[in-house]
PDB file of N, CA and C in Angstrom:
ATOM      1  N   MET A   1     -53.553 180.320 276.227  1.00  0.00           N
ATOM      2  CA  MET A   1     -54.850 180.387 277.511  1.00  0.00           C
ATOM      3  C   MET A   1     -56.225 180.045 276.884  1.00  0.00           C
ATOM      4  N   ASN A   2     -55.842 180.166 275.491  1.00  0.00           N
ATOM      5  CA  ASN A   2     -57.417 180.496 274.996  1.00  0.00           C
ATOM      6  C   ASN A   2     -58.504 179.241 274.728  1.00  0.00           C
ATOM      7  N   GLU A   3     -57.566 178.307 274.582  1.00  0.00           N
ATOM      8  CA  GLU A   3     -57.357 177.025 274.093  1.00  0.00           C
ATOM      9  C   GLU A   3     -57.870 176.121 275.559  1.00  0.00           C
ATOM     10  N   GLY A   4     -57.031 176.761 276.867  1.00  0.00           N
ATOM     11  CA  GLY A   4     -57.409 175.545 278.160  1.00  0.00           C
ATOM     12  C   GLY A   4     -58.462 176.742 278.452  1.00  0.00           C
ATOM     13  N   LEU A   5     -58.744 178.042 278.372  1.00  0.00           N
ATOM     14  CA  LEU A   5     -60.171 178.127 279.204  1.00  0.00           C
ATOM     15  C   LEU A   5     -60.913 176.818 278.177  1.00  0.00           C
ATOM     16  N   ALA A   6     -61.206 177.013 277.228  1.00  0.00           N
ATOM     17  CA  ALA A   6     -62.006 175.812 276.204  1.00  0.00           C
ATOM     18  C   ALA A   6     -62.713 174.961 277.112  1.00  0.00           C
ATOM     19  N   VAL A   7     -60.921 174.224 277.597  1.00  0.00           N
ATOM     20  CA  VAL A   7     -61.414 172.871 277.631  1.00  0.00           C
ATOM     21  C   VAL A   7     -62.330 173.037 279.622  1.00  0.00           C
ATOM     22  N   HIS A   8     -61.778 173.900 279.908  1.00  0.00           N
ATOM     23  CA  HIS A   8     -62.620 174.131 281.122  1.00  0.00           C
ATOM     24  C   HIS A   8     -63.943 173.931 280.826  1.00  0.00           C
ATOM     25  N   VAL A   9     -64.155 175.339 279.951  1.00  0.00           N
ATOM     26  CA  VAL A   9     -65.619 175.228 280.073  1.00  0.00           C
ATOM     27  C   VAL A   9     -66.394 173.853 279.423  1.00  0.00           C
ATOM     28  N   SER A  10     -66.178 173.376 278.929  1.00  0.00           N
ATOM     29  CA  SER A  10     -65.773 172.249 278.080  1.00  0.00           C
ATOM     30  C   SER A  10     -66.357 171.285 279.218  1.00  0.00           C
ATOM     31  N   ARG A  11     -65.580 171.298 280.400  1.00  0.00           N
ATOM     32  CA  ARG A  11     -65.622 169.803 281.399  1.00  0.00           C
ATOM     33  C   ARG A  11     -66.967 171.053 282.215  1.00  0.00           C
ATOM     34  N   ALA A  12     -67.588 172.191 282.722  1.00  0.00           N
ATOM     35  CA  ALA A  12     -68.329 172.489 283.058  1.00  0.00           C
ATOM     36  C   ALA A  12     -69.823 172.090 282.567  1.00  0.00           C
ATOM     37  N   ILE A  13     -70.001 172.615 281.420  1.00  0.00           N
ATOM     38  CA  ILE A  13     -71.261 172.838 280.640  1.00  0.00           C
ATOM     39  C   ILE A  13     -71.785 171.050 279.804  1.00  0.00           C
ATOM     40  N   SER A  14     -70.233 170.190 280.043  1.00  0.00           N
ATOM     41  CA  SER A  14     -70.954 168.751 279.762  1.00  0.00           C
ATOM     42  C   SER A  14     -69.569 167.759 280.433  1.00  0.00           C
ATOM     43  N   PRO A  15     -69.982 167.827 281.654  1.00  0.00           N
ATOM     44  CA  PRO A  15     -69.356 167.234 282.698  1.00  0.00           C
ATOM     45  C   PRO A  15     -69.675 166.046 281.964  1.00  0.00           C
ATOM     46  N   GLY A  16     -69.001 164.891 282.786  1.00  0.00           N
ATOM     47  CA  GLY A  16     -68.616 163.076 282.759  1.00  0.00           C
ATOM     48  C   GLY A  16     -68.405 162.614 281.909  1.00  0.00           C
ATOM     49  N   HIS A  17     -66.715 163.202 280.985  1.00  0.00           N
ATOM     50  CA  HIS A  17     -67.098 162.416 280.020  1.00  0.00           C
ATOM     51  C   HIS A  17     -65.435 162.011 280.487  1.00  0.00           C
ATOM     52  N   ALA A  18     -65.064 161.381 280.067  1.00  0.00           N
ATOM     53  CA  ALA A  18     -63.265 160.540 280.239  1.00  0.00           C
ATOM     54  C   ALA A  18     -62.904 162.100 279.778  1.00  0.00           C
ATOM     55  N   ALA A  19     -61.216 162.401 281.543  1.00  0.00           N
ATOM     56  CA  ALA A  19     -60.091 163.394 280.187  1.00  0.00           C
ATOM     57  C   ALA A  19     -60.345 164.069 279.734  1.00  0.00           C
ATOM     58  N   TRP A  20     -59.045 163.374 278.806  1.00  0.00           N
ATOM     59  CA  TRP A  20     -58.494 162.916 278.229  1.00  0.00           C
ATOM     60  C   TRP A  20     -59.578 163.205 276.795  1.00  0.00           C
ATOM     61  N   GLU A  21     -60.829 163.158 277.091  1.00  0.00           N
ATOM     62  CA  GLU A  21     -61.833 163.349 275.428  1.00  0.00           C
ATOM     63  C   GLU A  21     -61.516 165.273 275.993  1.00  0.00           C
ATOM     64  N   TYR A  22     -61.658 165.703 277.217  1.00  0.00           N
ATOM     65  CA  TYR A  22     -61.882 167.189 277.236  1.00  0.00           C
ATOM     66  C   TYR A  22     -60.886 168.455 276.091  1.00  0.00           C
ATOM     67  N   PHE A  23     -60.096 166.731 275.561  1.00  0.00           N
ATOM     68  CA  PHE A  23     -58.351 167.595 275.276  1.00  0.00           C
ATOM     69  C   PHE A  23     -58.046 166.778 273.467  1.00  0.00           C
ATOM     70  N   GLY A  24     -59.466 165.993 273.457  1.00  0.00           N
ATOM     71  CA  GLY A  24     -59.028 165.456 272.295  1.00  0.00           C
ATOM     72  C   GLY A  24     -58.905 164.719 271.662  1.00  0.00           C
ATOM     73  N   TYR A  25     -57.843 163.758 273.337  1.00  0.00           N
ATOM     74  CA  TYR A  25     -56.582 162.955 273.384  1.00  0.00           C
ATOM     75  C   TYR A  25     -57.210 161.501 273.114  1.00  0.00           C
ATOM     76  N   GLU A  26     -56.282 161.513 272.447  1.00  0.00           N
ATOM     77  CA  GLU A  26     -56.321 159.483 273.438  1.00  0.00           C
ATOM     78  C   GLU A  26     -55.897 158.826 274.698  1.00  0.00           C
ATOM     79  N   ARG A  27     -56.507 158.064 274.858  1.00  0.00           N
ATOM     80  CA  ARG A  27     -56.382 157.931 276.544  1.00  0.00           C
ATOM     81  C   ARG A  27     -53.734 157.881 276.226  1.00  0.00           C
ATOM     82  N   ARG A  28     -53.353 156.536 275.838  1.00  0.00           N
ATOM     83  CA  ARG A  28     -52.190 156.659 276.163  1.00  0.00           C
ATOM     84  C   ARG A  28     -51.800 158.539 275.682  1.00  0.00           C
ATOM     85  N   GLN A  29     -52.549 158.773 274.544  1.00  0.00           N
ATOM     86  CA  GLN A  29     -51.574 160.634 274.395  1.00  0.00           C
ATOM     87  C   GLN A  29     -51.760 161.310 276.047  1.00  0.00           C
ATOM     88  N   TYR A  30     -52.763 160.969 276.797  1.00  0.00           N
ATOM     89  CA  TYR A  30     -53.217 161.640 277.371  1.00  0.00           C
ATOM     90  C   TYR A  30     -52.210 161.893 278.790  1.00  0.00           C
ATOM     91  N   ALA A  31     -52.036 159.747 278.965  1.00  0.00           N
ATOM     92  CA  ALA A  31     -51.205 160.134 279.796  1.00  0.00           C
ATOM     93  C   ALA A  31     -50.537 160.226 279.579  1.00  0.00           C
ATOM     94  N   ARG A  32     -49.189 160.247 278.530  1.00  0.00           N
ATOM     95  CA  ARG A  32     -47.780 160.702 278.350  1.00  0.00           C
ATOM     96  C   ARG A  32     -47.354 162.144 278.632  1.00  0.00           C
ATOM     97  N   ILE A  33     -48.720 163.145 278.042  1.00  0.00           N
ATOM     98  CA  ILE A  33     -48.610 164.687 278.340  1.00  0.00           C
ATOM     99  C   ILE A  33     -48.983 164.318 280.182  1.00  0.00           C
ATOM    100  N   ARG A  34     -48.896 164.486 280.496  1.00  0.00           N
ATOM    101  CA  ARG A  34     -49.422 164.859 281.922  1.00  0.00           C
ATOM    102  C   ARG A  34     -48.320 163.533 282.892  1.00  0.00           C
ATOM    103  N   GLU A  35     -47.417 163.119 282.173  1.00  0.00           N
ATOM    104  CA  GLU A  35     -46.071 162.418 282.597  1.00  0.00           C
ATOM    105  C   GLU A  35     -45.159 163.520 282.294  1.00  0.00           C
ATOM    106  N   LEU A  36     -44.753 164.104 281.107  1.00  0.00           N
ATOM    107  CA  LEU A  36     -43.795 164.960 280.287  1.00  0.00           C
ATOM    108  C   LEU A  36     -44.946 166.754 280.982  1.00  0.00           C
ATOM    109  N   GLU A  37     -45.635 167.051 281.496  1.00  0.00           N
ATOM    110  CA  GLU A  37     -45.760 167.927 281.919  1.00  0.00           C
ATOM    111  C   GLU A  37     -44.264 168.615 282.895  1.00  0.00           C
ATOM    112  N   PRO A  38     -44.173 168.497 283.701  1.00  0.00           N
ATOM    113  CA  PRO A  38     -42.958 169.391 283.949  1.00  0.00           C
ATOM    114  C   PRO A  38     -41.490 169.556 283.247  1.00  0.00           C
ATOM    115  N   VAL A  39     -41.157 169.058 282.626  1.00  0.00           N
ATOM    116  CA  VAL A  39     -40.669 169.307 280.753  1.00  0.00           C
ATOM    117  C   VAL A  39     -40.791 169.816 280.223  1.00  0.00           C
ATOM    118  N   ILE A  40     -42.522 170.020 279.449  1.00  0.00           N
ATOM    119  CA  ILE A  40     -43.219 170.866 278.351  1.00  0.00           C
ATOM    120  C   ILE A  40     -43.114 172.111 279.099  1.00  0.00           C
ATOM    121  N   ALA A  41     -43.743 172.127 280.036  1.00  0.00           N
ATOM    122  CA  ALA A  41     -43.970 173.716 281.380  1.00  0.00           C
ATOM    123  C   ALA A  41     -42.171 173.942 281.349  1.00  0.00           C
ATOM    124  N   ARG A  42     -41.266 173.163 281.540  1.00  0.00           N
ATOM    125  CA  ARG A  42     -39.745 173.979 281.260  1.00  0.00           C
ATOM    126  C   ARG A  42     -40.056 174.698 280.364  1.00  0.00           C
ATOM    127  N   ALA A  43     -39.884 173.523 278.764  1.00  0.00           N
ATOM    128  CA  ALA A  43     -39.058 173.750 277.497  1.00  0.00           C
ATOM    129  C   ALA A  43     -40.527 175.128 276.708  1.00  0.00           C
ATOM    130  N   VAL A  44     -41.747 175.040 277.003  1.00  0.00           N
ATOM    131  CA  VAL A  44     -42.522 175.905 276.565  1.00  0.00           C
ATOM    132  C   VAL A  44     -41.969 177.602 277.041  1.00  0.00           C
ATOM    133  N   THR A  45     -41.133 177.969 278.221  1.00  0.00           N
ATOM    134  CA  THR A  45     -41.208 178.436 279.240  1.00  0.00           C
ATOM    135  C   THR A  45     -40.919 180.286 278.340  1.00  0.00           C
ATOM    136  N   PRO A  46     -39.560 179.949 277.742  1.00  0.00           N
ATOM    137  CA  PRO A  46     -39.265 181.206 277.020  1.00  0.00           C
ATOM    138  C   PRO A  46     -40.357 181.805 276.076  1.00  0.00           C
ATOM    139  N   ASP A  47     -41.234 180.997 275.594  1.00  0.00           N
ATOM    140  CA  ASP A  47     -42.645 181.308 274.486  1.00  0.00           C
ATOM    141  C   ASP A  47     -43.450 182.379 275.519  1.00  0.00           C
ATOM    142  N   LEU A  48     -43.984 181.510 276.592  1.00  0.00           N
ATOM    143  CA  LEU A  48     -45.170 182.046 276.916  1.00  0.00           C
ATOM    144  C   LEU A  48     -45.277 183.013 276.295  1.00  0.00           C
ATOM    145  N   ASP A  49     -43.663 184.633 276.322  1.00  0.00           N
ATOM    146  CA  ASP A  49     -44.434 185.988 276.793  1.00  0.00           C
ATOM    147  C   ASP A  49     -44.756 186.050 275.067  1.00  0.00           C
ATOM    148  N   ARG A  50     -44.132 185.148 274.209  1.00  0.00           N
ATOM    149  CA  ARG A  50     -44.373 186.065 273.810  1.00  0.00           C
ATOM    150  C   ARG A  50     -45.917 185.175 272.314  1.00  0.00           C
ATOM    151  N   ALA A  51     -46.504 185.784 271.229  1.00  0.00           N
ATOM    152  CA  ALA A  51     -47.515 185.350 270.598  1.00  0.00           C
ATOM    153  C   ALA A  51     -46.832 185.460 268.565  1.00  0.00           C
ATOM    154  N   ALA A  52     -48.095 184.634 268.017  1.00  0.00           N
ATOM    155  CA  ALA A  52     -47.258 184.209 267.136  1.00  0.00           C
ATOM    156  C   ALA A  52     -48.270 183.521 266.620  1.00  0.00           C
ATOM    157  N   LEU A  53     -47.840 183.088 265.778  1.00  0.00           N
ATOM    158  CA  LEU A  53     -49.329 182.280 264.466  1.00  0.00           C
ATOM    159  C   LEU A  53     -48.397 180.866 264.593  1.00  0.00           C
ATOM    160  N   GLY A  54     -46.380 180.843 264.269  1.00  0.00           N
ATOM    161  CA  GLY A  54     -46.116 179.515 264.356  1.00  0.00           C
ATOM    162  C   GLY A  54     -46.049 178.894 265.887  1.00  0.00           C
ATOM    163  N   LEU A  55     -46.104 179.721 267.245  1.00  0.00           N
ATOM    164  CA  LEU A  55     -45.504 178.923 268.645  1.00  0.00           C
ATOM    165  C   LEU A  55     -47.440 178.263 268.399  1.00  0.00           C
ATOM    166  N   ARG A  56     -48.206 178.585 268.079  1.00  0.00           N
ATOM    167  CA  ARG A  56     -49.906 178.108 267.797  1.00  0.00           C
ATOM    168  C   ARG A  56     -50.090 176.928 267.230  1.00  0.00           C
ATOM    169  N   LEU A  57     -49.232 176.808 266.049  1.00  0.00           N
ATOM    170  CA  LEU A  57     -49.084 176.019 264.926  1.00  0.00           C
ATOM    171  C   LEU A  57     -48.251 174.568 266.271  1.00  0.00           C
ATOM    172  N   ARG A  58     -47.220 175.233 266.729  1.00  0.00           N
ATOM    173  CA  ARG A  58     -46.711 174.391 267.267  1.00  0.00           C
ATOM    174  C   ARG A  58     -47.626 173.498 268.731  1.00  0.00           C
ATOM    175  N   TYR A  59     -48.486 174.173 269.048  1.00  0.00           N
ATOM    176  CA  TYR A  59     -48.492 173.331 270.482  1.00  0.00           C
ATOM    177  C   TYR A  59     -50.143 173.140 270.408  1.00  0.00           C
ATOM    178  N   LEU A  60     -50.477 173.561 269.290  1.00  0.00           N
ATOM    179  CA  LEU A  60     -52.064 173.784 269.227  1.00  0.00           C
ATOM    180  C   LEU A  60     -53.106 172.138 268.450  1.00  0.00           C
ATOM    181  N   SER A  61     -51.543 172.640 267.215  1.00  0.00           N
ATOM    182  CA  SER A  61     -51.623 171.112 265.970  1.00  0.00           C
ATOM    183  C   SER A  61     -50.816 170.405 265.960  1.00  0.00           C
ATOM    184  N   GLY A  62     -52.066 169.479 265.307  1.00  0.00           N
ATOM    185  CA  GLY A  62     -51.571 167.798 264.743  1.00  0.00           C
ATOM    186  C   GLY A  62     -51.022 167.720 263.960  1.00  0.00           C
ATOM    187  N   GLY A  63     -50.001 166.987 263.749  1.00  0.00           N
ATOM    188  CA  GLY A  63     -49.682 166.575 262.341  1.00  0.00           C
ATOM    189  C   GLY A  63     -48.493 167.602 261.700  1.00  0.00           C
ATOM    190  N   MET A  64     -48.100 167.650 262.734  1.00  0.00           N
ATOM    191  CA  MET A  64     -47.415 168.836 262.483  1.00  0.00           C
ATOM    192  C   MET A  64     -45.636 168.126 262.419  1.00  0.00           C
ATOM    193  N   SER A  65     -44.852 168.239 261.868  1.00  0.00           N
ATOM    194  CA  SER A  65     -43.265 167.589 261.764  1.00  0.00           C
ATOM    195  C   SER A  65     -42.369 167.833 263.402  1.00  0.00           C
ATOM    196  N   ASP A  66     -41.257 166.809 264.031  1.00  0.00           N
ATOM    197  CA  ASP A  66     -41.428 166.414 265.055  1.00  0.00           C
ATOM    198  C   ASP A  66     -40.137 167.818 264.703  1.00  0.00           C
ATOM    199  N   GLU A  67     -39.171 168.481 263.846  1.00  0.00           N
ATOM    200  CA  GLU A  67     -38.656 168.990 263.987  1.00  0.00           C
ATOM    201  C   GLU A  67     -39.313 170.829 263.568  1.00  0.00           C
ATOM    202  N   ALA A  68     -40.145 170.459 263.595  1.00  0.00           N
ATOM    203  CA  ALA A  68     -41.173 171.704 264.715  1.00  0.00           C
ATOM    204  C   ALA A  68     -41.788 171.675 264.904  1.00  0.00           C
ATOM    205  N   ARG A  69     -42.167 170.602 266.169  1.00  0.00           N
ATOM    206  CA  ARG A  69     -42.338 170.099 267.567  1.00  0.00           C
ATOM    207  C   ARG A  69     -41.328 170.634 268.523  1.00  0.00           C
ATOM    208  N   THR A  70     -39.758 170.956 267.886  1.00  0.00           N
ATOM    209  CA  THR A  70     -38.875 170.477 268.626  1.00  0.00           C
ATOM    210  C   THR A  70     -38.862 171.755 268.964  1.00  0.00           C
ATOM    211  N   VAL A  71     -38.042 171.828 270.408  1.00  0.00           N
ATOM    212  CA  VAL A  71     -37.914 173.039 271.247  1.00  0.00           C
ATOM    213  C   VAL A  71     -36.899 172.826 271.437  1.00  0.00           C
ATOM    214  N   ASP A  72     -36.083 174.418 271.893  1.00  0.00           N
ATOM    215  CA  ASP A  72     -34.333 174.220 272.396  1.00  0.00           C
ATOM    216  C   ASP A  72     -33.719 173.066 271.767  1.00  0.00           C
ATOM    217  N   GLY A  73     -33.672 172.593 270.656  1.00  0.00           N
ATOM    218  CA  GLY A  73     -32.679 171.702 270.011  1.00  0.00           C
ATOM    219  C   GLY A  73     -33.083 169.982 270.702  1.00  0.00           C
ATOM    220  N   ARG A  74     -33.872 170.072 271.764  1.00  0.00           N
ATOM    221  CA  ARG A  74     -34.012 169.411 272.381  1.00  0.00           C
ATOM    222  C   ARG A  74     -35.176 168.120 272.869  1.00  0.00           C
ATOM    223  N   TYR A  75     -36.243 169.335 273.074  1.00  0.00           N
ATOM    224  CA  TYR A  75     -37.060 168.127 273.352  1.00  0.00           C
ATOM    225  C   TYR A  75     -38.422 168.792 272.142  1.00  0.00           C
ATOM    226  N   LEU A  76     -38.650 167.302 271.933  1.00  0.00           N
ATOM    227  CA  LEU A  76     -39.771 167.197 271.216  1.00  0.00           C
ATOM    228  C   LEU A  76     -41.302 167.065 271.624  1.00  0.00           C
ATOM    229  N   LEU A  77     -41.912 168.114 271.155  1.00  0.00           N
ATOM    230  CA  LEU A  77     -43.655 168.288 272.479  1.00  0.00           C
ATOM    231  C   LEU A  77     -44.324 167.549 271.727  1.00  0.00           C
ATOM    232  N   PRO A  78     -45.681 166.742 273.165  1.00  0.00           N
ATOM    233  CA  PRO A  78     -46.487 165.991 272.105  1.00  0.00           C
ATOM    234  C   PRO A  78     -47.155 167.137 271.327  1.00  0.00           C
ATOM    235  N   GLU A  79     -48.059 166.168 270.263  1.00  0.00           N
ATOM    236  CA  GLU A  79     -48.326 166.878 269.433  1.00  0.00           C
ATOM    237  C   GLU A  79     -50.374 167.041 270.198  1.00  0.00           C
ATOM    238  N   ARG A  80     -50.225 168.457 270.175  1.00  0.00           N
ATOM    239  CA  ARG A  80     -52.008 169.354 270.562  1.00  0.00           C
ATOM    240  C   ARG A  80     -50.934 168.641 271.921  1.00  0.00           C
ATOM    241  N   SER A  81     -49.588 169.553 272.296  1.00  0.00           N
ATOM    242  CA  SER A  81     -49.875 169.579 274.126  1.00  0.00           C
ATOM    243  C   SER A  81     -49.787 171.223 274.632  1.00  0.00           C
ATOM    244  N   GLY A  82     -49.729 171.833 273.920  1.00  0.00           N
ATOM    245  CA  GLY A  82     -50.338 173.486 274.389  1.00  0.00           C
ATOM    246  C   GLY A  82     -52.210 173.568 275.099  1.00  0.00           C
ATOM    247  N   TYR A  83     -52.786 172.300 274.518  1.00  0.00           N
ATOM    248  CA  TYR A  83     -54.531 172.486 275.681  1.00  0.00           C
ATOM    249  C   TYR A  83     -53.433 172.014 276.728  1.00  0.00           C
ATOM    250  N   TYR A  84     -53.300 171.283 277.227  1.00  0.00           N
ATOM    251  CA  TYR A  84     -53.222 170.597 278.149  1.00  0.00           C
ATOM    252  C   TYR A  84     -52.257 171.780 278.738  1.00  0.00           C
ATOM    253  N   LEU A  85     -51.262 172.418 278.731  1.00  0.00           N
ATOM    254  CA  LEU A  85     -50.420 173.506 279.472  1.00  0.00           C
ATOM    255  C   LEU A  85     -50.998 174.364 279.659  1.00  0.00           C
ATOM    256  N   GLY A  86     -52.755 174.973 278.742  1.00  0.00           N
ATOM    257  CA  GLY A  86     -53.148 176.342 278.492  1.00  0.00           C
ATOM    258  C   GLY A  86     -54.637 175.978 279.999  1.00  0.00           C
ATOM    259  N   ALA A  87     -54.625 174.881 279.227  1.00  0.00           N
ATOM    260  CA  ALA A  87     -55.412 174.282 280.913  1.00  0.00           C
ATOM    261  C   ALA A  87     -54.899 174.499 282.181  1.00  0.00           C
ATOM    262  N   ARG A  88     -54.071 174.122 282.399  1.00  0.00           N
ATOM    263  CA  ARG A  88     -52.830 173.679 283.672  1.00  0.00           C
ATOM    264  C   ARG A  88     -52.703 175.139 284.103  1.00  0.00           C
ATOM    265  N   LEU A  89     -52.571 176.150 282.874  1.00  0.00           N
ATOM    266  CA  LEU A  89     -51.985 177.444 283.337  1.00  0.00           C
ATOM    267  C   LEU A  89     -53.101 178.702 283.648  1.00  0.00           C
ATOM    268  N   CYS A  90     -54.532 177.663 283.304  1.00  0.00           N
ATOM    269  CA  CYS A  90     -55.186 178.884 283.615  1.00  0.00           C
ATOM    270  C   CYS A  90     -56.029 177.802 285.130  1.00  0.00           C
ATOM    271  N   GLU A  91     -55.681 177.053 285.920  1.00  0.00           N
ATOM    272  CA  GLU A  91     -56.229 176.523 286.766  1.00  0.00           C
ATOM    273  C   GLU A  91     -56.904 177.309 287.916  1.00  0.00           C
ATOM    274  N   ALA A  92     -55.122 177.681 288.152  1.00  0.00           N
ATOM    275  CA  ALA A  92     -55.168 178.640 289.611  1.00  0.00           C
ATOM    276  C   ALA A  92     -55.760 179.794 289.236  1.00  0.00           C
ATOM    277  N   GLY A  93     -56.368 180.453 287.954  1.00  0.00           N
ATOM    278  CA  GLY A  93     -56.869 181.867 288.330  1.00  0.00           C
ATOM    279  C   GLY A  93     -58.764 181.201 288.641  1.00  0.00           C
ATOM    280  N   ILE A  94     -58.734 179.872 288.079  1.00  0.00           N
ATOM    281  CA  ILE A  94     -59.722 179.686 288.161  1.00  0.00           C
ATOM    282  C   ILE A  94     -60.957 179.124 288.999  1.00  0.00           C
ATOM    283  N   ASP A  95     -59.221 178.785 289.848  1.00  0.00           N
ATOM    284  CA  ASP A  95     -59.636 177.884 291.438  1.00  0.00           C
ATOM    285  C   ASP A  95     -59.952 179.097 292.546  1.00  0.00           C
ATOM    286  N   ALA A  96     -59.052 180.448 292.188  1.00  0.00           N
ATOM    287  CA  ALA A  96     -58.877 181.584 293.056  1.00  0.00           C
ATOM    288  C   ALA A  96     -60.523 182.595 292.903  1.00  0.00           C
ATOM    289  N   LYS A  97     -61.005 182.863 291.647  1.00  0.00           N
ATOM    290  CA  LYS A  97     -61.746 183.470 290.562  1.00  0.00           C
ATOM    291  C   LYS A  97     -63.041 183.094 289.933  1.00  0.00           C
ATOM    292  N   GLY A  98     -62.712 181.260 290.159  1.00  0.00           N
ATOM    293  CA  GLY A  98     -64.007 180.745 289.273  1.00  0.00           C
ATOM    294  C   GLY A  98     -64.012 181.409 287.939  1.00  0.00           C
ATOM    295  N   LEU A  99     -64.789 180.214 286.988  1.00  0.00           N
ATOM    296  CA  LEU A  99     -65.364 180.458 285.864  1.00  0.00           C
ATOM    297  C   LEU A  99     -64.976 181.244 285.089  1.00  0.00           C
ATOM    298  N   ALA A 100     -66.538 182.342 285.807  1.00  0.00           N
ATOM    299  CA  ALA A 100     -66.705 183.045 285.066  1.00  0.00           C
ATOM    300  C   ALA A 100     -66.138 184.344 285.314  1.00  0.00           C
ATOM    301  N   TRP A 101     -64.851 184.534 285.875  1.00  0.00           N
ATOM    302  CA  TRP A 101     -64.699 185.240 286.010  1.00  0.00           C
ATOM    303  C   TRP A 101     -62.641 185.288 284.436  1.00  0.00           C
ATOM    304  N   ALA A 102     -62.717 183.445 285.227  1.00  0.00           N
ATOM    305  CA  ALA A 102     -61.768 183.350 283.598  1.00  0.00           C
ATOM    306  C   ALA A 102     -61.379 183.677 282.465  1.00  0.00           C
ATOM    307  N   ILE A 103     -62.904 183.967 282.267  1.00  0.00           N
ATOM    308  CA  ILE A 103     -62.856 183.441 280.576  1.00  0.00           C
ATOM    309  C   ILE A 103     -63.115 184.927 280.762  1.00  0.00           C
ATOM    310  N   ARG A 104     -62.797 185.850 281.139  1.00  0.00           N
ATOM    311  CA  ARG A 104     -63.493 187.219 280.658  1.00  0.00           C
ATOM    312  C   ARG A 104     -62.379 187.844 281.623  1.00  0.00           C
ATOM    313  N   ALA A 105     -60.816 187.834 281.687  1.00  0.00           N
ATOM    314  CA  ALA A 105     -59.995 188.204 282.046  1.00  0.00           C
ATOM    315  C   ALA A 105     -58.804 188.313 280.806  1.00  0.00           C
ATOM    316  N   THR A 106     -57.430 188.830 281.517  1.00  0.00           N
ATOM    317  CA  THR A 106     -56.467 189.044 280.564  1.00  0.00           C
ATOM    318  C   THR A 106     -55.593 188.099 280.275  1.00  0.00           C
ATOM    319  N   ASP A 107     -54.644 187.545 278.949  1.00  0.00           N
ATOM    320  CA  ASP A 107     -53.978 186.839 279.939  1.00  0.00           C
ATOM    321  C   ASP A 107     -53.278 186.961 280.851  1.00  0.00           C
ATOM    322  N   LEU A 108     -52.629 188.230 281.388  1.00  0.00           N
ATOM    323  CA  LEU A 108     -51.452 189.109 282.349  1.00  0.00           C
ATOM    324  C   LEU A 108     -52.304 188.222 283.723  1.00  0.00           C
ATOM    325  N   GLU A 109     -53.914 189.167 283.883  1.00  0.00           N
ATOM    326  CA  GLU A 109     -54.521 188.701 284.562  1.00  0.00           C
ATOM    327  C   GLU A 109     -54.354 186.433 285.135  1.00  0.00           C
ATOM    328  N   LEU A 110     -54.067 185.773 284.037  1.00  0.00           N
ATOM    329  CA  LEU A 110     -54.187 184.708 284.318  1.00  0.00           C
ATOM    330  C   LEU A 110     -52.871 184.268 285.030  1.00  0.00           C
ATOM    331  N   SER A 111     -52.155 184.498 283.695  1.00  0.00           N
ATOM    332  CA  SER A 111     -50.802 184.441 284.154  1.00  0.00           C
ATOM    333  C   SER A 111     -50.028 183.995 285.274  1.00  0.00           C
ATOM    334  N   ALA A 112     -50.390 185.700 285.882  1.00  0.00           N
ATOM    335  CA  ALA A 112     -50.539 186.548 286.686  1.00  0.00           C
ATOM    336  C   ALA A 112     -51.126 185.073 288.511  1.00  0.00           C
ATOM    337  N   TYR A 113     -52.118 184.790 288.063  1.00  0.00           N
ATOM    338  CA  TYR A 113     -52.733 183.712 289.032  1.00  0.00           C
ATOM    339  C   TYR A 113     -51.672 182.297 289.011  1.00  0.00           C
ATOM    340  N   ALA A 114     -50.890 182.146 287.434  1.00  0.00           N
ATOM    341  CA  ALA A 114     -50.265 180.807 286.940  1.00  0.00           C
ATOM    342  C   ALA A 114     -48.583 180.602 287.882  1.00  0.00           C
ATOM    343  N   ARG A 115     -47.526 182.112 288.290  1.00  0.00           N
ATOM    344  CA  ARG A 115     -46.943 182.927 288.517  1.00  0.00           C
ATOM    345  C   ARG A 115     -46.988 182.343 289.453  1.00  0.00           C
ATOM    346  N   SER A 116     -48.062 182.986 289.835  1.00  0.00           N
ATOM    347  CA  SER A 116     -48.223 182.773 291.867  1.00  0.00           C
ATOM    348  C   SER A 116     -48.384 181.014 292.653  1.00  0.00           C
ATOM    349  N   ALA A 117     -49.297 180.503 291.654  1.00  0.00           N
ATOM    350  CA  ALA A 117     -48.892 178.868 292.385  1.00  0.00           C
ATOM    351  C   ALA A 117     -48.202 178.006 292.161  1.00  0.00           C
ATOM    352  N   ALA A 118     -47.233 177.966 290.734  1.00  0.00           N
ATOM    353  CA  ALA A 118     -45.447 178.393 290.738  1.00  0.00           C
ATOM    354  C   ALA A 118     -44.996 178.257 291.614  1.00  0.00           C
ATOM    355  N   VAL A 119     -45.096 179.310 292.252  1.00  0.00           N
ATOM    356  CA  VAL A 119     -44.030 179.685 292.936  1.00  0.00           C
ATOM    357  C   VAL A 119     -44.316 179.156 295.083  1.00  0.00           C
ATOM    358  N   SER A 120     -45.959 178.615 294.619  1.00  0.00           N
ATOM    359  CA  SER A 120     -45.970 178.362 296.290  1.00  0.00           C
ATOM    360  C   SER A 120     -45.941 177.042 296.045  1.00  0.00           C
ATOM    361  N   ALA A 121     -46.248 176.578 295.315  1.00  0.00           N
ATOM    362  CA  ALA A 121     -45.620 174.610 294.610  1.00  0.00           C
ATOM    363  C   ALA A 121     -44.371 174.570 295.446  1.00  0.00           C
TER     364      ALA A 121
END
């Protein structure tokens, strides 16, 4: 979520860039991650309540092996897909309470908004 918030802050302080530029993606990679969003979200759900360096590397780093980015033995996550997923997870809280609130919120507070948005979708 920290990296997702960073993406939203970047958009706020430096508007006008192409969407994929805020994530550090190429245009095709951004399109692919958006296309795979439901699959990625389902695949990483079990890890959302956990914290570990390995998870950060898996979801945020580029250059990781396919094996390191494979979740549940069958989902190969696109490199750096955690930035996109983190930004999406923060959106409901930002929409409800604003960016100033969101950057000071705890992960539990932001998660609550993300879960309520998912339930209502």
